[in-house]
Amino acid sequence: MARKNPFANLMNERPLEPGVALDYTVKGASRSIISTIDELAHRADKLLEGETVIELDPDVIDASFVRDRIEDDPQAFEALVAAIREQGQNSPILVRPHPKDDGRYMVVFGHRRLRAVKALGRKVRAVVKAIDDRQHVIAQGQENSARADLSFIEKAMFARQLGALNYDSDSATVMAALSIDKATLSKMLSVTNMPADVLEAIGGARSPGRDRWYELKQMLENPKRLDDLREVLARTDLSGLNGDARFAFVVDALTRRKSQGLAPPRRKSKWAPGDRAVSAEISTDGKNYTLALKAKDAVGFGEFIAESLDDLYATYRKRKNEG
């Protein structure tokens, strides 16, 4: 279902309906579950409806005290910067007066828009609303759910942060913020109880949903498999992979077991001389060794290596026998 624009009525000058800021109060678990993205969008719309849009210096605005995004997509962020550069900031962000620092503000939602505007050296269009911490986290969670672009693990980590704040004993605030029921919340919190180092290694994988994360969590309940995985992660550089690829790597490492433990990871490295006339991409999985040459001298240097293989191998054997 396509999301309704949550700011469609922003410029409507109707007075704010009484109780809008408190519209997130929940009276029981069953009524705390918001069933559709449209309804979430409507709530975000209500929070801003009739409010005045002003321009603020991004330097006087701090991030929310709860984090909802583990990592950002650089390409998506650059696209947002380009769109704001060309078309302006069409949707304002929501901020509140900073609860501890007079003269400053705190973002409720719109962190990426704030970063994009700041990168362009512009002022940010914002609505300022005085709300408390509980209203803040519910508004932040509902607006993010309405955008439907946070991954399951990001929502799960957000739920854990909110749960730690202990706003209520029945988790009504968390369920209202993320539009989930108790069963989903239970699985979310179960997943976030996975070893912190594994969660950190994977990061903000976007494609895996609740079931795949829960299956991974169950696999890691075996201490031997967890120890083996940690050994693999300790000797593997995952920095060049996005979250989905890191998730797939971890699952693959856990499922492709051999008699001596987990399958060894493929290690990669690069080499280039000072003049950059040739470059080499090197990879090995412990059995196979691949050397791929690129740039203008790649063919000539490759032929030279091929012609020199007998001498190179003889030198290798001699050096190996010597120690």
Foldseek 3Di string as FASTA:
>chain_A
DDFDQLQPQLPPQDDQDPCLLVVQDDDDQVRLFDDDLNVLSPSSNSVRHNFDKDWDALVQEAEDPFDLAFDDDVVVLVVLLVCCVVPNDPDAFEWEQDPPDHPGIYGLDDPSVSVSCVVVVHTGIYTYDHHDPLSSQLNSLSVVVSVVQAALLSLLSRLVVVVVVCPDDVSSSSCNSNNDHPVSNVLSPLLVPAPPVLCVQLIRAHPDHSVLSSVLSVLVVPVQLVVLLVVQSVPEDCPVDHNNVSSVVSVQQSPCADPVGGQHDKHWDKDADPVRQKIWIWIDRPPDIDIQMDHNCRVVVVVVCVVCVVVVVVVVVVVVVVD
